Amino acid sequence: MTAERSLEHLLFHMPYLAKEADTDWERQFAADMAKRGRWRNWTPTARQMKTMQNMVSGLFDEGPSLIEV
């Protein structure tokens, strides 16, 4: 189960995703959301919000990682 993140939290990660996302579409989407996040009175559509939730979840929900000693 993934946690619902606030819009502020999602927008915080958009500049990073604009540089580091896997596909050109994801990088462009993240850059666009970061730009729109600075607009006064802008609110994302439900689809934009869901996409941002999924992208940011991908940063943190990679699963357990093994640490080699």
N, C-alpha and C. Protein backbone atom coordinates (compact mmCIF):
# COMPACT_ATOMS: atom_id res chain seq x y z
N MET A 1 0.84 -1.18 0.00
CA MET A 1 0.00 0.00 0.00
C MET A 1 0.88 1.25 0.00
N THR A 2 0.60 2.18 -0.88
CA THR A 2 1.39 3.39 -0.94
C THR A 2 0.69 4.51 -0.20
N ALA A 3 1.46 5.37 0.41
CA ALA A 3 0.90 6.48 1.18
C ALA A 3 0.49 7.61 0.23
N GLU A 4 -0.63 8.25 0.56
CA GLU A 4 -1.04 9.45 -0.17
C GLU A 4 -0.11 10.57 0.27
N ARG A 5 0.57 11.16 -0.67
CA ARG A 5 1.48 12.26 -0.36
C ARG A 5 0.80 13.59 -0.68
N SER A 6 1.17 14.61 0.05
CA SER A 6 0.59 15.93 -0.17
C SER A 6 1.11 16.51 -1.48
N LEU A 7 0.38 17.47 -2.01
CA LEU A 7 0.80 18.14 -3.23
C LEU A 7 2.16 18.80 -3.03
N GLU A 8 2.37 19.42 -1.87
CA GLU A 8 3.65 20.06 -1.58
C GLU A 8 4.79 19.05 -1.64
N HIS A 9 4.57 17.88 -1.07
CA HIS A 9 5.58 16.82 -1.08
C HIS A 9 5.87 16.36 -2.51
N LEU A 10 4.82 16.18 -3.29
CA LEU A 10 4.99 15.74 -4.67
C LEU A 10 5.77 16.77 -5.49
N LEU A 11 5.39 18.03 -5.34
CA LEU A 11 6.05 19.08 -6.11
C LEU A 11 7.52 19.25 -5.70
N PHE A 12 7.83 18.96 -4.45
CA PHE A 12 9.21 19.03 -3.98
C PHE A 12 10.11 18.10 -4.79
N HIS A 13 9.59 16.93 -5.19
CA HIS A 13 10.39 15.93 -5.90
C HIS A 13 10.36 16.09 -7.42
N MET A 14 9.52 16.96 -7.95
CA MET A 14 9.41 17.09 -9.41
C MET A 14 10.70 17.59 -10.08
N PRO A 15 11.44 18.56 -9.52
CA PRO A 15 12.69 18.96 -10.19
C PRO A 15 13.70 17.81 -10.30
N TYR A 16 13.79 17.00 -9.25
CA TYR A 16 14.68 15.83 -9.30
C TYR A 16 14.23 14.86 -10.39
N LEU A 17 12.93 14.58 -10.42
CA LEU A 17 12.40 13.66 -11.42
C LEU A 17 12.54 14.23 -12.83
N ALA A 18 12.49 15.54 -12.96
CA ALA A 18 12.67 16.17 -14.28
C ALA A 18 14.06 15.90 -14.83
N LYS A 19 15.01 15.65 -13.95
CA LYS A 19 16.38 15.35 -14.39
C LYS A 19 16.67 13.86 -14.44
N GLU A 20 16.06 13.09 -13.54
CA GLU A 20 16.46 11.70 -13.34
C GLU A 20 15.44 10.64 -13.73
N ALA A 21 14.26 11.02 -14.20
CA ALA A 21 13.24 10.03 -14.55
C ALA A 21 13.73 9.16 -15.70
N ASP A 22 13.12 7.99 -15.82
CA ASP A 22 13.57 7.00 -16.80
C ASP A 22 13.28 7.38 -18.25
N THR A 23 12.13 7.96 -18.52
CA THR A 23 11.75 8.23 -19.90
C THR A 23 11.66 9.74 -20.17
N ASP A 24 11.73 10.08 -21.45
CA ASP A 24 11.59 11.48 -21.83
C ASP A 24 10.24 12.02 -21.41
N TRP A 25 9.18 11.22 -21.57
CA TRP A 25 7.84 11.67 -21.20
C TRP A 25 7.78 12.00 -19.71
N GLU A 26 8.33 11.13 -18.87
CA GLU A 26 8.31 11.36 -17.43
C GLU A 26 9.11 12.60 -17.06
N ARG A 27 10.28 12.79 -17.70
CA ARG A 27 11.09 13.98 -17.43
C ARG A 27 10.35 15.25 -17.81
N GLN A 28 9.69 15.25 -18.97
CA GLN A 28 8.93 16.41 -19.42
C GLN A 28 7.73 16.67 -18.53
N PHE A 29 7.04 15.62 -18.15
CA PHE A 29 5.88 15.76 -17.26
C PHE A 29 6.32 16.37 -15.93
N ALA A 30 7.39 15.85 -15.35
CA ALA A 30 7.86 16.36 -14.06
C ALA A 30 8.29 17.82 -14.17
N ALA A 31 8.96 18.18 -15.25
CA ALA A 31 9.37 19.57 -15.45
C ALA A 31 8.15 20.47 -15.56
N ASP A 32 7.13 20.01 -16.28
CA ASP A 32 5.91 20.79 -16.44
C ASP A 32 5.18 20.96 -15.11
N MET A 33 5.11 19.90 -14.31
CA MET A 33 4.44 19.99 -13.01
C MET A 33 5.22 20.92 -12.07
N ALA A 34 6.54 20.87 -12.11
CA ALA A 34 7.35 21.76 -11.28
C ALA A 34 7.08 23.22 -11.66
N LYS A 35 6.97 23.47 -12.96
CA LYS A 35 6.69 24.82 -13.44
C LYS A 35 5.29 25.26 -13.03
N ARG A 36 4.31 24.41 -13.24
CA ARG A 36 2.93 24.76 -12.89
C ARG A 36 2.75 24.91 -11.39
N GLY A 37 3.53 24.20 -10.62
CA GLY A 37 3.44 24.29 -9.17
C GLY A 37 3.75 25.68 -8.65
N ARG A 38 4.46 26.47 -9.43
CA ARG A 38 4.77 27.84 -9.04
C ARG A 38 3.68 28.83 -9.45
N TRP A 39 2.71 28.39 -10.25
CA TRP A 39 1.62 29.27 -10.68
C TRP A 39 0.66 29.50 -9.53
N ARG A 40 0.19 30.70 -9.40
CA ARG A 40 -0.79 31.02 -8.37
C ARG A 40 -2.12 30.34 -8.71
N ASN A 41 -2.74 29.77 -7.71
CA ASN A 41 -4.07 29.14 -7.82
C ASN A 41 -4.13 27.93 -8.75
N TRP A 42 -2.99 27.32 -9.06
CA TRP A 42 -3.01 26.11 -9.89
C TRP A 42 -3.25 24.91 -9.00
N THR A 43 -4.12 24.04 -9.45
CA THR A 43 -4.31 22.75 -8.79
C THR A 43 -4.27 21.67 -9.87
N PRO A 44 -3.61 20.57 -9.60
CA PRO A 44 -3.52 19.51 -10.60
C PRO A 44 -4.85 18.80 -10.79
N THR A 45 -5.04 18.25 -11.97
CA THR A 45 -6.20 17.41 -12.22
C THR A 45 -6.01 16.10 -11.46
N ALA A 46 -7.06 15.33 -11.35
CA ALA A 46 -6.97 14.04 -10.66
C ALA A 46 -5.95 13.13 -11.36
N ARG A 47 -5.92 13.19 -12.68
CA ARG A 47 -4.98 12.35 -13.43
C ARG A 47 -3.53 12.80 -13.21
N GLN A 48 -3.30 14.12 -13.18
CA GLN A 48 -1.95 14.63 -12.91
C GLN A 48 -1.51 14.23 -11.50
N MET A 49 -2.42 14.35 -10.55
CA MET A 49 -2.11 14.01 -9.17
C MET A 49 -1.75 12.53 -9.04
N LYS A 50 -2.52 11.67 -9.69
CA LYS A 50 -2.25 10.24 -9.65
C LYS A 50 -0.90 9.92 -10.29
N THR A 51 -0.60 10.57 -11.39
CA THR A 51 0.69 10.34 -12.06
C THR A 51 1.85 10.78 -11.17
N MET A 52 1.71 11.95 -10.55
CA MET A 52 2.77 12.42 -9.65
C MET A 52 2.92 11.47 -8.46
N GLN A 53 1.79 10.99 -7.90
CA GLN A 53 1.84 10.03 -6.78
C GLN A 53 2.64 8.80 -7.20
N ASN A 54 2.35 8.28 -8.38
CA ASN A 54 3.03 7.07 -8.85
C ASN A 54 4.52 7.31 -9.08
N MET A 55 4.86 8.46 -9.65
CA MET A 55 6.27 8.76 -9.91
C MET A 55 7.06 8.89 -8.61
N VAL A 56 6.51 9.62 -7.65
CA VAL A 56 7.21 9.82 -6.38
C VAL A 56 7.25 8.51 -5.59
N SER A 57 6.20 7.73 -5.65
CA SER A 57 6.21 6.43 -4.99
C SER A 57 7.34 5.56 -5.53
N GLY A 58 7.59 5.66 -6.82
CA GLY A 58 8.67 4.90 -7.43
C GLY A 58 10.03 5.24 -6.87
N LEU A 59 10.18 6.44 -6.35
CA LEU A 59 11.46 6.83 -5.74
C LEU A 59 11.70 6.10 -4.42
N PHE A 60 10.63 5.81 -3.69
CA PHE A 60 10.75 5.28 -2.34
C PHE A 60 10.32 3.83 -2.19
N ASP A 61 9.55 3.31 -3.11
CA ASP A 61 9.00 1.97 -2.97
C ASP A 61 9.75 0.94 -3.80
N GLU A 62 11.05 1.04 -3.80
CA GLU A 62 11.87 0.11 -4.57
C GLU A 62 11.94 -1.26 -3.92
N GLY A 63 11.53 -1.35 -2.68
CA GLY A 63 11.63 -2.61 -1.96
C GLY A 63 12.89 -2.60 -1.11
N PRO A 64 13.06 -3.67 -0.35
CA PRO A 64 14.23 -3.71 0.54
C PRO A 64 15.53 -3.83 -0.27
N SER A 65 16.53 -3.15 0.21
CA SER A 65 17.82 -3.25 -0.45
C SER A 65 18.80 -3.95 0.50
N LEU A 66 19.70 -4.66 -0.07
CA LEU A 66 20.70 -5.37 0.72
C LEU A 66 21.95 -4.51 0.83
N ILE A 67 22.49 -4.48 2.01
CA ILE A 67 23.72 -3.73 2.24
C ILE A 67 24.85 -4.73 2.37
N GLU A 68 25.84 -4.58 1.50
CA GLU A 68 26.99 -5.46 1.58
C GLU A 68 28.00 -4.89 2.55
N VAL A 69 28.60 -5.76 3.32
CA VAL A 69 29.58 -5.32 4.30
C VAL A 69 30.95 -5.77 3.84
